[in-house]
Each structure stands twice: as C-alpha cells, then as structure tokens.
C-alpha cells in the first residue's frame, strides 16, 4: 500500500517467509497459533486478557510476537500461524490470500504529529520522510490520504511498529514526522509540550486492528474461534464500562510481569482514551462497509466501495453466532 508497496513485492514476501519464518509447526494437539506483529505492551494488554479468558474456556493458545504486522500476516497466509492481528485488506484483494477477517478489534484513533523544529503543517512534509506502524496499516492509510488531500508526496515511508516506539523515536529526535495513538499524544504533550504539533485530521471511521485467520482454520475450528470472539467482545464491553479493570486483570493473569512503573501508570489513561475505539459488537458488516469506503479512498483497496462484497473479506459466522448468544449493544 503505499500504501501497499507493490503486488510483486507482496508475492515475494509470501514466498520468502514460507521458508524463513521461525514459527514452530503445529503440534498434534493443534493449539490456536496467534501471531502478533508487535511486542507485548500496554497497547496489547486488553487482547492478552481476552486470550487468557478464552484459555479458561478450554482454548489452547500459543502466541508469537513478530517484528511487524506484515510478517504476522504472511505467517497466516503461509499456514505457519492460524490467526493474525492487523488490517489485511490489501493483502486480501491484491494477493487473494486465503484468509478472512472475523473480528474488529479497534477503530482508528490516531494523531499525525511533527517536530516543530522542522515542520509546522502538512505542506511542510512534501518531499520528507514519515514513519507509520506497518505496510498496509491504518496509520499508513491515514497519512497517505492526508498527502493526497494536501497535494504532497512523501520522499519515503519508514515502518516503525508500535505507537510507543514511534513516540519514543520522536522524543529522541530519530523521527520527525509520524502518527501516534492517544497514549503517545499524552506523553508528547506532557514531556515536550512546545516541541511537537498535531496536524489536523478529518474524522475517519475505519478499522485500525482486526483479527483474521486462515480460511481453513476458521472452517475446521468454529468452536474455538467463537470462544475467542466472545472473550474479546465481553472483555471490550467490560473495559468500556470501567477502564480501571484492565490493571486489575493484568495482575490477576500475571501479564506484562516485567512492566516498569511508568508502563503500569499508563494502563488506566490509555484504556480510558481507547474505550470509544473499542467496538462493542465486533465490527461486522457495518465495519466492513466503512472500511471499504476508507480504504478505497486511501488507495489500499481498488474499485467502487459499493461493489465490494463483505464475504470476500470477512467471515461473519463466529461473530454473528456470538452476538446471537450474548446480545448486541
């Protein structure tokens, strides 16, 4: 994208990773293999809690943390992982990968930001480098849409996974223009209020992170997938009602045991800021339609959004079954 670099490159990455990716083969017990294209941080804590709850319901889960969403997606495509986290729309359309989204995890809530020693407005970024989360991500889509809207072109796009990492890179001076989440925005405002400027961004409604899976895995493991979906949706509803519960559940499940005091202090404000971005009903067809409009406008998807079919990108079987059981909000 690049919004997705180029289809030839995507195919090459698929082939190369099939040989090089170091994810263990499935054991005879066939655990659910989940590939994160990120490190375990405060940002992933809510999902890690939901996965612990799915384990309590009998789902055996193995998690692998990889250096980017790109690699995690290719792991799912090649069958070396069952489930990935990210936004694989371009991969689905351009490579026709045998995967489907089955659950929206979060909606976009991001903030383009620049170091004011170098830039002040969108026009200043013409011919300059920016940093985003990963290839094909919502962060890249936003930055590309803004480039198109303001008639500018970036010299290059650096892929720096993790909003916390990009925030730190800004503070250290290693990155001059990027996009961060609400947590990063608070950190920048607190630590260097006069050094950074947040660029105006028209409101967008689209998926930031989603869960997707190999289609064969979805067909062969409907019960485990449904348990995971239910665990996520119910956890999201609990967090939205009381963001302070995340810190309590982290202790209960002994997650992020090496977290620093600074990280622990960030849990409550991060989830207080994120609660409106957590979908109470898993996204579903409504989210898919919004995504079609956003990602065709950004260039990640091709064609008329009205002509795109939900079933070509999503498998709603598990989500619809869970919502029929626990109700909608």
C-alpha atoms as a PDB file:
ATOM      1  CA  UNK A   1       0.000   0.000   0.000  1.00  0.00           C
ATOM      2  CA  UNK A   2       1.903   2.787  -0.029  1.00  0.00           C
ATOM      3  CA  UNK A   3       0.039   2.370   0.562  1.00  0.00           C
ATOM      4  CA  UNK A   4       0.872  -1.332  -0.115  1.00  0.00           C
ATOM      5  CA  UNK A   5       4.101  -1.251  -1.995  1.00  0.00           C
ATOM      6  CA  UNK A   6       3.548  -3.427  -4.981  1.00  0.00           C
ATOM      7  CA  UNK A   7       1.935  -6.747  -5.690  1.00  0.00           C
ATOM      8  CA  UNK A   8       5.143  -8.346  -6.925  1.00  0.00           C
ATOM      9  CA  UNK A   9       6.867  -7.494  -3.700  1.00  0.00           C
ATOM     10  CA  UNK A  10       3.927  -8.889  -1.712  1.00  0.00           C
ATOM     11  CA  UNK A  11       4.115 -12.206  -3.545  1.00  0.00           C
ATOM     12  CA  UNK A  12       7.863 -12.355  -2.987  1.00  0.00           C
ATOM     13  CA  UNK A  13       7.452 -11.762   0.715  1.00  0.00           C
ATOM     14  CA  UNK A  14       4.886 -14.562   0.919  1.00  0.00           C
ATOM     15  CA  UNK A  15       7.289 -16.992  -0.750  1.00  0.00           C
ATOM     16  CA  UNK A  16      10.318 -15.941   1.257  1.00  0.00           C
ATOM     17  CA  UNK A  17       8.585 -16.093   4.583  1.00  0.00           C
ATOM     18  CA  UNK A  18       7.270 -19.554   3.889  1.00  0.00           C
ATOM     19  CA  UNK A  19      10.908 -20.648   4.049  1.00  0.00           C
ATOM     20  CA  UNK A  20      12.371 -18.257   6.584  1.00  0.00           C
ATOM     21  CA  UNK A  21       9.778 -17.567   9.283  1.00  0.00           C
ATOM     22  CA  UNK A  22      10.702 -19.127  12.578  1.00  0.00           C
ATOM     23  CA  UNK A  23       7.310 -20.156  13.926  1.00  0.00           C
ATOM     24  CA  UNK A  24       7.010 -23.711  15.213  1.00  0.00           C
ATOM     25  CA  UNK A  25       4.872 -26.142  13.295  1.00  0.00           C
ATOM     26  CA  UNK A  26       1.512 -27.090  14.759  1.00  0.00           C
ATOM     27  CA  UNK A  27       1.655 -29.728  17.451  1.00  0.00           C
ATOM     28  CA  UNK A  28      -0.569 -32.767  17.450  1.00  0.00           C
ATOM     29  CA  UNK A  29      -2.904 -31.042  19.911  1.00  0.00           C
ATOM     30  CA  UNK A  30      -3.416 -28.306  17.307  1.00  0.00           C
ATOM     31  CA  UNK A  31      -3.289 -25.221  19.519  1.00  0.00           C
ATOM     32  CA  UNK A  32      -4.564 -21.915  18.185  1.00  0.00           C
ATOM     33  CA  UNK A  33      -1.405 -20.169  16.929  1.00  0.00           C
ATOM     34  CA  UNK A  34      -1.755 -16.386  17.166  1.00  0.00           C
ATOM     35  CA  UNK A  35       0.835 -14.137  15.532  1.00  0.00           C
ATOM     36  CA  UNK A  36       1.224 -10.598  16.855  1.00  0.00           C
ATOM     37  CA  UNK A  37       3.027  -8.134  14.627  1.00  0.00           C
ATOM     38  CA  UNK A  38       4.112  -6.209  17.685  1.00  0.00           C
ATOM     39  CA  UNK A  39       5.651  -6.599  21.118  1.00  0.00           C
ATOM     40  CA  UNK A  40       3.666  -7.186  24.309  1.00  0.00           C
ATOM     41  CA  UNK A  41       2.916  -3.702  25.646  1.00  0.00           C
ATOM     42  CA  UNK A  42       0.137  -1.745  27.314  1.00  0.00           C
ATOM     43  CA  UNK A  43      -1.447  -1.498  23.846  1.00  0.00           C
ATOM     44  CA  UNK A  44      -1.829  -5.277  23.580  1.00  0.00           C
ATOM     45  CA  UNK A  45      -2.811  -5.842  27.213  1.00  0.00           C
ATOM     46  CA  UNK A  46      -6.572  -5.842  26.620  1.00  0.00           C
ATOM     47  CA  UNK A  47      -6.296  -8.504  23.946  1.00  0.00           C
ATOM     48  CA  UNK A  48      -3.927 -10.584  26.062  1.00  0.00           C
ATOM     49  CA  UNK A  49      -6.530 -10.515  28.838  1.00  0.00           C
ATOM     50  CA  UNK A  50      -9.242 -11.667  26.420  1.00  0.00           C
ATOM     51  CA  UNK A  51      -7.000 -14.507  25.264  1.00  0.00           C
ATOM     52  CA  UNK A  52      -6.478 -15.612  28.867  1.00  0.00           C
ATOM     53  CA  UNK A  53     -10.234 -15.752  29.245  1.00  0.00           C
ATOM     54  CA  UNK A  54     -10.524 -17.851  26.097  1.00  0.00           C
ATOM     55  CA  UNK A  55      -7.963 -20.218  27.603  1.00  0.00           C
ATOM     56  CA  UNK A  56     -10.216 -20.541  30.652  1.00  0.00           C
ATOM     57  CA  UNK A  57     -12.916 -21.772  28.256  1.00  0.00           C
ATOM     58  CA  UNK A  58     -10.640 -24.538  27.006  1.00  0.00           C
ATOM     59  CA  UNK A  59      -8.957 -22.900  24.024  1.00  0.00           C
ATOM     60  CA  UNK A  60      -5.257 -23.766  23.878  1.00  0.00           C
ATOM     61  CA  UNK A  61      -3.443 -20.708  22.537  1.00  0.00           C
ATOM     62  CA  UNK A  62       0.166 -20.205  21.524  1.00  0.00           C
ATOM     63  CA  UNK A  63       1.266 -16.618  20.907  1.00  0.00           C
ATOM     64  CA  UNK A  64       4.222 -15.471  18.848  1.00  0.00           C
ATOM     65  CA  UNK A  65       5.435 -11.869  18.777  1.00  0.00           C
ATOM     66  CA  UNK A  66       6.968 -10.810  15.470  1.00  0.00           C
ATOM     67  CA  UNK A  67       8.633  -7.599  14.382  1.00  0.00           C
ATOM     68  CA  UNK A  68       5.824  -6.357  12.132  1.00  0.00           C
ATOM     69  CA  UNK A  69       2.205  -6.886  11.119  1.00  0.00           C
ATOM     70  CA  UNK A  70       3.473  -7.614   7.619  1.00  0.00           C
ATOM     71  CA  UNK A  71       5.350 -10.689   8.807  1.00  0.00           C
ATOM     72  CA  UNK A  72       2.455 -11.792  11.021  1.00  0.00           C
ATOM     73  CA  UNK A  73       0.083 -11.608   8.049  1.00  0.00           C
ATOM     74  CA  UNK A  74       2.398 -13.661   5.871  1.00  0.00           C
ATOM     75  CA  UNK A  75       2.649 -16.235   8.639  1.00  0.00           C
ATOM     76  CA  UNK A  76      -1.116 -16.705   8.480  1.00  0.00           C
ATOM     77  CA  UNK A  77      -1.115 -16.766   4.678  1.00  0.00           C
ATOM     78  CA  UNK A  78       1.546 -19.478   4.612  1.00  0.00           C
ATOM     79  CA  UNK A  79      -0.172 -21.562   7.305  1.00  0.00           C
ATOM     80  CA  UNK A  80       2.567 -21.080   9.899  1.00  0.00           C
ATOM     81  CA  UNK A  81       0.101 -19.272  12.142  1.00  0.00           C
ATOM     82  CA  UNK A  82      -3.676 -19.572  12.384  1.00  0.00           C
ATOM     83  CA  UNK A  83      -4.669 -16.068  13.458  1.00  0.00           C
ATOM     84  CA  UNK A  84      -3.087 -12.659  12.919  1.00  0.00           C
ATOM     85  CA  UNK A  85      -3.776  -9.128  14.086  1.00  0.00           C
ATOM     86  CA  UNK A  86      -3.765  -6.174  11.717  1.00  0.00           C
ATOM     87  CA  UNK A  87      -5.598  -4.815   8.693  1.00  0.00           C
ATOM     88  CA  UNK A  88      -5.051  -7.182   5.754  1.00  0.00           C
ATOM     89  CA  UNK A  89      -7.440  -5.633   3.229  1.00  0.00           C
ATOM     90  CA  UNK A  90      -4.844  -5.001   0.542  1.00  0.00           C
ATOM     91  CA  UNK A  91      -3.366  -8.455   1.007  1.00  0.00           C
ATOM     92  CA  UNK A  92      -6.815  -9.993   0.655  1.00  0.00           C
ATOM     93  CA  UNK A  93      -7.612  -8.170  -2.565  1.00  0.00           C
ATOM     94  CA  UNK A  94      -4.291  -7.989  -4.349  1.00  0.00           C
ATOM     95  CA  UNK A  95      -2.802 -11.346  -3.405  1.00  0.00           C
ATOM     96  CA  UNK A  96      -6.176 -13.054  -2.865  1.00  0.00           C
ATOM     97  CA  UNK A  97      -4.731 -14.558   0.296  1.00  0.00           C
ATOM     98  CA  UNK A  98      -6.663 -17.493   1.821  1.00  0.00           C
ATOM     99  CA  UNK A  99      -7.597 -15.512   4.920  1.00  0.00           C
ATOM    100  CA  UNK A 100     -10.665 -13.697   6.250  1.00  0.00           C
ATOM    101  CA  UNK A 101     -11.220 -11.034   8.893  1.00  0.00           C
ATOM    102  CA  UNK A 102     -13.557 -12.310  11.587  1.00  0.00           C
ATOM    103  CA  UNK A 103     -13.436  -9.616  14.288  1.00  0.00           C
ATOM    104  CA  UNK A 104     -12.742  -5.895  14.511  1.00  0.00           C
ATOM    105  CA  UNK A 105     -10.514  -5.129  17.499  1.00  0.00           C
ATOM    106  CA  UNK A 106     -10.318  -1.344  17.336  1.00  0.00           C
ATOM    107  CA  UNK A 107     -11.260   1.648  15.267  1.00  0.00           C
ATOM    108  CA  UNK A 108      -8.770   4.253  14.132  1.00  0.00           C
ATOM    109  CA  UNK A 109      -7.923   6.804  16.789  1.00  0.00           C
ATOM    110  CA  UNK A 110      -4.646   8.299  15.676  1.00  0.00           C
ATOM    111  CA  UNK A 111      -2.856  11.646  15.694  1.00  0.00           C
ATOM    112  CA  UNK A 112      -0.404  12.805  12.989  1.00  0.00           C
ATOM    113  CA  UNK A 113       2.419  14.708  14.684  1.00  0.00           C
ATOM    114  CA  UNK A 114       5.528  16.631  13.615  1.00  0.00           C
ATOM    115  CA  UNK A 115       8.620  18.011  15.295  1.00  0.00           C
ATOM    116  CA  UNK A 116       8.151  21.791  15.068  1.00  0.00           C
ATOM    117  CA  UNK A 117      11.891  22.345  14.765  1.00  0.00           C
ATOM    118  CA  UNK A 118      11.449  21.113  11.203  1.00  0.00           C
ATOM    119  CA  UNK A 119       7.748  21.211  10.226  1.00  0.00           C
ATOM    120  CA  UNK A 120       4.587  23.090  11.144  1.00  0.00           C
ATOM    121  CA  UNK A 121       1.895  21.920   8.717  1.00  0.00           C
ATOM    122  CA  UNK A 122       1.030  19.257   6.156  1.00  0.00           C
ATOM    123  CA  UNK A 123       2.603  21.230   3.302  1.00  0.00           C
ATOM    124  CA  UNK A 124       5.983  21.058   5.048  1.00  0.00           C
ATOM    125  CA  UNK A 125       6.001  17.274   4.665  1.00  0.00           C
ATOM    126  CA  UNK A 126       6.215  17.434   0.891  1.00  0.00           C
ATOM    127  CA  UNK A 127       9.375  15.510  -0.068  1.00  0.00           C
ATOM    128  CA  UNK A 128      10.023  14.425   3.523  1.00  0.00           C
ATOM    129  CA  UNK A 129      10.138  11.030   5.268  1.00  0.00           C
ATOM    130  CA  UNK A 130       7.368   9.899   7.597  1.00  0.00           C
ATOM    131  CA  UNK A 131       7.040   6.886   9.894  1.00  0.00           C
ATOM    132  CA  UNK A 132       3.962   4.664  10.261  1.00  0.00           C
ATOM    133  CA  UNK A 133       3.137   1.403  12.004  1.00  0.00           C
ATOM    134  CA  UNK A 134       3.413  -1.107   9.163  1.00  0.00           C
ATOM    135  CA  UNK A 135       2.801  -1.643   5.468  1.00  0.00           C
ATOM    136  CA  UNK A 136      -0.924  -1.643   4.712  1.00  0.00           C
ATOM    137  CA  UNK A 137      -1.844  -0.435   8.217  1.00  0.00           C
ATOM    138  CA  UNK A 138      -4.476   2.124   9.099  1.00  0.00           C
ATOM    139  CA  UNK A 139      -1.731   4.550  10.102  1.00  0.00           C
ATOM    140  CA  UNK A 140      -0.249   4.378   6.614  1.00  0.00           C
ATOM    141  CA  UNK A 141      -3.685   4.787   5.058  1.00  0.00           C
ATOM    142  CA  UNK A 142      -4.364   7.935   7.076  1.00  0.00           C
ATOM    143  CA  UNK A 143      -1.028   9.506   6.209  1.00  0.00           C
ATOM    144  CA  UNK A 144      -1.461   8.707   2.527  1.00  0.00           C
ATOM    145  CA  UNK A 145      -4.995  10.120   2.494  1.00  0.00           C
ATOM    146  CA  UNK A 146      -3.719  13.343   4.049  1.00  0.00           C
ATOM    147  CA  UNK A 147      -0.912  13.518   1.495  1.00  0.00           C
ATOM    148  CA  UNK A 148      -3.444  13.194  -1.316  1.00  0.00           C
ATOM    149  CA  UNK A 149      -5.760  15.730   0.290  1.00  0.00           C
ATOM    150  CA  UNK A 150      -2.999  18.315   0.733  1.00  0.00           C
ATOM    151  CA  UNK A 151      -1.299  17.673  -2.607  1.00  0.00           C
ATOM    152  CA  UNK A 152       2.020  16.481  -1.202  1.00  0.00           C
ATOM    153  CA  UNK A 153       4.214  13.432  -1.658  1.00  0.00           C
ATOM    154  CA  UNK A 154       6.489  11.869   0.934  1.00  0.00           C
ATOM    155  CA  UNK A 155      10.073  11.035  -0.005  1.00  0.00           C
ATOM    156  CA  UNK A 156       9.811   7.699   1.821  1.00  0.00           C
ATOM    157  CA  UNK A 157       7.791   5.820   4.410  1.00  0.00           C
ATOM    158  CA  UNK A 158       9.544   4.121   7.343  1.00  0.00           C
ATOM    159  CA  UNK A 159       7.783   1.242   9.081  1.00  0.00           C
ATOM    160  CA  UNK A 160       8.148   1.508  12.865  1.00  0.00           C
ATOM    161  CA  UNK A 161       5.808  -0.926  14.677  1.00  0.00           C
ATOM    162  CA  UNK A 162       4.317   0.220  17.957  1.00  0.00           C
ATOM    163  CA  UNK A 163       2.908   3.642  18.816  1.00  0.00           C
ATOM    164  CA  UNK A 164       5.030   3.666  21.962  1.00  0.00           C
ATOM    165  CA  UNK A 165       8.146   3.088  19.857  1.00  0.00           C
ATOM    166  CA  UNK A 166       7.247   5.914  17.461  1.00  0.00           C
ATOM    167  CA  UNK A 167       6.547   8.212  20.398  1.00  0.00           C
ATOM    168  CA  UNK A 168       9.960   7.440  21.860  1.00  0.00           C
ATOM    169  CA  UNK A 169      11.605   7.984  18.491  1.00  0.00           C
ATOM    170  CA  UNK A 170      10.029  11.444  18.298  1.00  0.00           C
ATOM    171  CA  UNK A 171      11.292  12.381  21.745  1.00  0.00           C
ATOM    172  CA  UNK A 172      14.773  11.111  20.884  1.00  0.00           C
ATOM    173  CA  UNK A 173      14.839  13.008  17.605  1.00  0.00           C
ATOM    174  CA  UNK A 174      15.105   9.872  15.470  1.00  0.00           C
ATOM    175  CA  UNK A 175      11.748  10.547  13.800  1.00  0.00           C
ATOM    176  CA  UNK A 176      10.484  13.980  12.796  1.00  0.00           C
ATOM    177  CA  UNK A 177       7.016  13.168  11.424  1.00  0.00           C
ATOM    178  CA  UNK A 178       4.805  10.231  12.293  1.00  0.00           C
ATOM    179  CA  UNK A 179       1.421   9.235  13.697  1.00  0.00           C
ATOM    180  CA  UNK A 180       0.744   8.159  17.287  1.00  0.00           C
ATOM    181  CA  UNK A 181      -2.161   6.948  19.397  1.00  0.00           C
ATOM    182  CA  UNK A 182      -3.869   8.691  22.313  1.00  0.00           C
ATOM    183  CA  UNK A 183      -1.262   7.397  24.742  1.00  0.00           C
ATOM    184  CA  UNK A 184       1.570   8.765  22.642  1.00  0.00           C
ATOM    185  CA  UNK A 185      -0.241  12.087  22.334  1.00  0.00           C
ATOM    186  CA  UNK A 186      -0.470  12.395  26.110  1.00  0.00           C
ATOM    187  CA  UNK A 187       3.215  11.543  26.529  1.00  0.00           C
ATOM    188  CA  UNK A 188       4.311  14.128  23.968  1.00  0.00           C
ATOM    189  CA  UNK A 189       2.088  16.805  25.467  1.00  0.00           C
ATOM    190  CA  UNK A 190       3.423  16.078  28.956  1.00  0.00           C
ATOM    191  CA  UNK A 191       7.127  15.711  28.182  1.00  0.00           C
ATOM    192  CA  UNK A 192       7.654  18.227  25.383  1.00  0.00           C
ATOM    193  CA  UNK A 193       4.576  20.421  25.001  1.00  0.00           C
ATOM    194  CA  UNK A 194       6.326  23.052  22.869  1.00  0.00           C
ATOM    195  CA  UNK A 195       8.292  20.715  20.628  1.00  0.00           C
ATOM    196  CA  UNK A 196       5.538  18.929  18.704  1.00  0.00           C
ATOM    197  CA  UNK A 197       2.456  19.900  16.728  1.00  0.00           C
ATOM    198  CA  UNK A 198      -0.519  17.674  15.957  1.00  0.00           C
ATOM    199  CA  UNK A 199      -1.693  18.140  12.407  1.00  0.00           C
ATOM    200  CA  UNK A 200      -5.419  18.472  11.635  1.00  0.00           C
ATOM    201  CA  UNK A 201      -7.106  15.242  10.649  1.00  0.00           C
ATOM    202  CA  UNK A 202     -10.641  14.932   9.357  1.00  0.00           C
ATOM    203  CA  UNK A 203     -12.609  12.286  11.203  1.00  0.00           C
ATOM    204  CA  UNK A 204     -12.417   8.806   9.734  1.00  0.00           C
ATOM    205  CA  UNK A 205     -14.328   5.660  10.579  1.00  0.00           C
ATOM    206  CA  UNK A 206     -12.326   2.575   9.799  1.00  0.00           C
ATOM    207  CA  UNK A 207     -10.684  -0.450  11.329  1.00  0.00           C
ATOM    208  CA  UNK A 208      -7.329   0.069  12.975  1.00  0.00           C
ATOM    209  CA  UNK A 209      -6.766  -3.521  14.128  1.00  0.00           C
ATOM    210  CA  UNK A 210      -8.696  -6.674  13.295  1.00  0.00           C
ATOM    211  CA  UNK A 211      -8.347 -10.394  13.838  1.00  0.00           C
ATOM    212  CA  UNK A 212      -8.066 -12.509  10.723  1.00  0.00           C
ATOM    213  CA  UNK A 213      -7.477 -16.179  10.160  1.00  0.00           C
ATOM    214  CA  UNK A 214      -6.654 -18.787   7.606  1.00  0.00           C
ATOM    215  CA  UNK A 215      -9.936 -19.811   5.996  1.00  0.00           C
ATOM    216  CA  UNK A 216      -9.215 -23.485   6.547  1.00  0.00           C
ATOM    217  CA  UNK A 217      -8.668 -22.856  10.234  1.00  0.00           C
ATOM    218  CA  UNK A 218     -11.960 -20.959  10.534  1.00  0.00           C
ATOM    219  CA  UNK A 219     -13.841 -23.811   8.877  1.00  0.00           C
ATOM    220  CA  UNK A 220     -12.234 -26.524  10.976  1.00  0.00           C
ATOM    221  CA  UNK A 221     -12.257 -24.810  14.383  1.00  0.00           C
ATOM    222  CA  UNK A 222     -15.557 -22.930  14.735  1.00  0.00           C
ATOM    223  CA  UNK A 223     -15.944 -23.582  18.470  1.00  0.00           C
ATOM    224  CA  UNK A 224     -12.511 -22.276  19.443  1.00  0.00           C
ATOM    225  CA  UNK A 225     -12.905 -19.224  17.215  1.00  0.00           C
ATOM    226  CA  UNK A 226     -16.328 -18.493  18.731  1.00  0.00           C
ATOM    227  CA  UNK A 227     -14.890 -18.735  22.260  1.00  0.00           C
ATOM    228  CA  UNK A 228     -12.135 -16.287  21.347  1.00  0.00           C
ATOM    229  CA  UNK A 229     -14.607 -13.873  19.756  1.00  0.00           C
ATOM    230  CA  UNK A 230     -16.857 -13.994  22.809  1.00  0.00           C
ATOM    231  CA  UNK A 231     -13.895 -13.440  25.128  1.00  0.00           C
ATOM    232  CA  UNK A 232     -12.818 -10.344  23.179  1.00  0.00           C
ATOM    233  CA  UNK A 233     -16.275  -8.812  22.845  1.00  0.00           C
ATOM    234  CA  UNK A 234     -17.169  -9.311  26.518  1.00  0.00           C
ATOM    235  CA  UNK A 235     -13.772  -8.002  27.628  1.00  0.00           C
ATOM    236  CA  UNK A 236     -14.171  -4.918  25.438  1.00  0.00           C
ATOM    237  CA  UNK A 237     -17.572  -4.219  26.963  1.00  0.00           C
ATOM    238  CA  UNK A 238     -16.140  -4.549  30.453  1.00  0.00           C
ATOM    239  CA  UNK A 239     -13.250  -2.184  29.656  1.00  0.00           C
ATOM    240  CA  UNK A 240     -15.589   0.384  28.089  1.00  0.00           C
ATOM    241  CA  UNK A 241     -17.730   0.338  31.238  1.00  0.00           C
ATOM    242  CA  UNK A 242     -14.723   0.615  33.578  1.00  0.00           C
ATOM    243  CA  UNK A 243     -11.228   1.144  32.121  1.00  0.00           C
ATOM    244  CA  UNK A 244      -9.664   0.661  35.564  1.00  0.00           C
ATOM    245  CA  UNK A 245     -10.455  -3.058  35.321  1.00  0.00           C
ATOM    246  CA  UNK A 246      -7.518  -3.593  32.938  1.00  0.00           C
ATOM    247  CA  UNK A 247      -4.919  -3.013  35.656  1.00  0.00           C
ATOM    248  CA  UNK A 248      -6.732  -5.429  37.966  1.00  0.00           C
ATOM    249  CA  UNK A 249      -6.970  -8.110  35.299  1.00  0.00           C
ATOM    250  CA  UNK A 250      -3.293  -7.680  34.415  1.00  0.00           C
ATOM    251  CA  UNK A 251      -2.441  -8.643  37.986  1.00  0.00           C
ATOM    252  CA  UNK A 252      -4.969 -11.479  38.018  1.00  0.00           C
ATOM    253  CA  UNK A 253      -3.463 -13.095  34.928  1.00  0.00           C
ATOM    254  CA  UNK A 254       0.148 -12.053  35.659  1.00  0.00           C
ATOM    255  CA  UNK A 255       0.530 -10.308  32.319  1.00  0.00           C
ATOM    256  CA  UNK A 256       3.432  -7.987  31.461  1.00  0.00           C
ATOM    257  CA  UNK A 257       5.283  -9.138  34.595  1.00  0.00           C
ATOM    258  CA  UNK A 258       8.324  -7.031  33.692  1.00  0.00           C
ATOM    259  CA  UNK A 259       6.348  -3.839  33.156  1.00  0.00           C
ATOM    260  CA  UNK A 260       8.013  -0.719  34.522  1.00  0.00           C
ATOM    261  CA  UNK A 261       6.202   1.621  36.938  1.00  0.00           C
ATOM    262  CA  UNK A 262       5.863   4.070  34.051  1.00  0.00           C
ATOM    263  CA  UNK A 263       4.119   1.438  31.930  1.00  0.00           C
ATOM    264  CA  UNK A 264       1.784   0.478  34.761  1.00  0.00           C
ATOM    265  CA  UNK A 265       0.861   4.103  35.312  1.00  0.00           C
ATOM    266  CA  UNK A 266      -0.125   4.353  31.652  1.00  0.00           C
ATOM    267  CA  UNK A 267      -2.664   1.496  31.694  1.00  0.00           C
ATOM    268  CA  UNK A 268      -5.664   3.378  33.029  1.00  0.00           C
ATOM    269  CA  UNK A 269      -5.254   6.574  30.966  1.00  0.00           C
ATOM    270  CA  UNK A 270      -4.543   4.544  27.821  1.00  0.00           C
ATOM    271  CA  UNK A 271      -7.727   2.476  28.097  1.00  0.00           C
ATOM    272  CA  UNK A 272      -9.753   5.483  29.210  1.00  0.00           C
ATOM    273  CA  UNK A 273      -8.700   7.112  25.958  1.00  0.00           C
ATOM    274  CA  UNK A 274      -9.265   3.941  23.943  1.00  0.00           C
ATOM    275  CA  UNK A 275     -12.682   2.929  25.225  1.00  0.00           C
ATOM    276  CA  UNK A 276     -14.548   4.733  22.448  1.00  0.00           C
ATOM    277  CA  UNK A 277     -12.392   2.994  19.842  1.00  0.00           C
ATOM    278  CA  UNK A 278     -13.279  -0.499  21.101  1.00  0.00           C
ATOM    279  CA  UNK A 279     -16.215  -1.943  19.112  1.00  0.00           C
ATOM    280  CA  UNK A 280     -18.899  -3.350  21.392  1.00  0.00           C
ATOM    281  CA  UNK A 281     -20.201  -5.714  18.707  1.00  0.00           C
ATOM    282  CA  UNK A 282     -17.034  -6.808  16.931  1.00  0.00           C
ATOM    283  CA  UNK A 283     -17.472  -4.617  13.879  1.00  0.00           C
ATOM    284  CA  UNK A 284     -19.229  -6.960  11.488  1.00  0.00           C
ATOM    285  CA  UNK A 285     -20.834  -5.902   8.217  1.00  0.00           C
ATOM    286  CA  UNK A 286     -21.168  -2.251   9.259  1.00  0.00           C
ATOM    287  CA  UNK A 287     -17.438  -2.040   9.951  1.00  0.00           C
ATOM    288  CA  UNK A 288     -16.653  -3.784   6.673  1.00  0.00           C
ATOM    289  CA  UNK A 289     -18.693  -1.237   4.704  1.00  0.00           C
ATOM    290  CA  UNK A 290     -16.967   1.674   6.471  1.00  0.00           C
ATOM    291  CA  UNK A 291     -13.610   0.072   5.756  1.00  0.00           C
ATOM    292  CA  UNK A 292     -14.429  -0.273   2.067  1.00  0.00           C
ATOM    293  CA  UNK A 293     -15.108   3.466   1.873  1.00  0.00           C
ATOM    294  CA  UNK A 294     -11.963   4.388   3.808  1.00  0.00           C
ATOM    295  CA  UNK A 295      -9.503   2.004   2.207  1.00  0.00           C
ATOM    296  CA  UNK A 296     -10.646   2.652  -1.362  1.00  0.00           C
ATOM    297  CA  UNK A 297     -10.258   6.373  -0.718  1.00  0.00           C
ATOM    298  CA  UNK A 298      -6.793   5.814   0.700  1.00  0.00           C
ATOM    299  CA  UNK A 299      -5.732   3.508  -2.127  1.00  0.00           C
ATOM    300  CA  UNK A 300      -5.355   0.299  -0.148  1.00  0.00           C
ATOM    301  CA  UNK A 301      -8.346  -1.211  -1.934  1.00  0.00           C
ATOM    302  CA  UNK A 302      -9.289  -0.843  -5.579  1.00  0.00           C
ATOM    303  CA  UNK A 303     -12.706  -0.387  -7.092  1.00  0.00           C
ATOM    304  CA  UNK A 304     -16.024   1.150  -6.101  1.00  0.00           C
ATOM    305  CA  UNK A 305     -16.689   0.530  -2.388  1.00  0.00           C
ATOM    306  CA  UNK A 306     -20.340  -0.181  -3.196  1.00  0.00           C
ATOM    307  CA  UNK A 307     -19.286  -3.057  -5.420  1.00  0.00           C
ATOM    308  CA  UNK A 308     -17.043  -4.780  -2.869  1.00  0.00           C
ATOM    309  CA  UNK A 309     -18.526  -7.838  -1.191  1.00  0.00           C
ATOM    310  CA  UNK A 310     -18.258  -8.352   2.553  1.00  0.00           C
ATOM    311  CA  UNK A 311     -17.848 -12.108   2.145  1.00  0.00           C
ATOM    312  CA  UNK A 312     -14.712 -11.588   0.064  1.00  0.00           C
ATOM    313  CA  UNK A 313     -13.011 -10.034   3.078  1.00  0.00           C
ATOM    314  CA  UNK A 314     -14.869 -11.147   6.206  1.00  0.00           C
ATOM    315  CA  UNK A 315     -16.219 -14.374   7.665  1.00  0.00           C
ATOM    316  CA  UNK A 316     -19.054 -13.329   9.985  1.00  0.00           C
ATOM    317  CA  UNK A 317     -20.029 -16.833  11.101  1.00  0.00           C
ATOM    318  CA  UNK A 318     -18.425 -16.789  14.539  1.00  0.00           C
ATOM    319  CA  UNK A 319     -19.286 -13.159  15.311  1.00  0.00           C
ATOM    320  CA  UNK A 320     -22.949 -13.475  14.348  1.00  0.00           C
ATOM    321  CA  UNK A 321     -23.241 -16.634  16.430  1.00  0.00           C
ATOM    322  CA  UNK A 322     -21.694 -14.953  19.482  1.00  0.00           C
ATOM    323  CA  UNK A 323     -23.877 -11.851  19.180  1.00  0.00           C
ATOM    324  CA  UNK A 324     -26.909 -14.093  18.934  1.00  0.00           C
ATOM    325  CA  UNK A 325     -25.832 -15.574  22.262  1.00  0.00           C
ATOM    326  CA  UNK A 326     -24.755 -12.502  24.254  1.00  0.00           C
ATOM    327  CA  UNK A 327     -26.784  -9.811  22.500  1.00  0.00           C
ATOM    328  CA  UNK A 328     -25.765  -6.526  20.912  1.00  0.00           C
ATOM    329  CA  UNK A 329     -25.037  -3.156  22.490  1.00  0.00           C
END
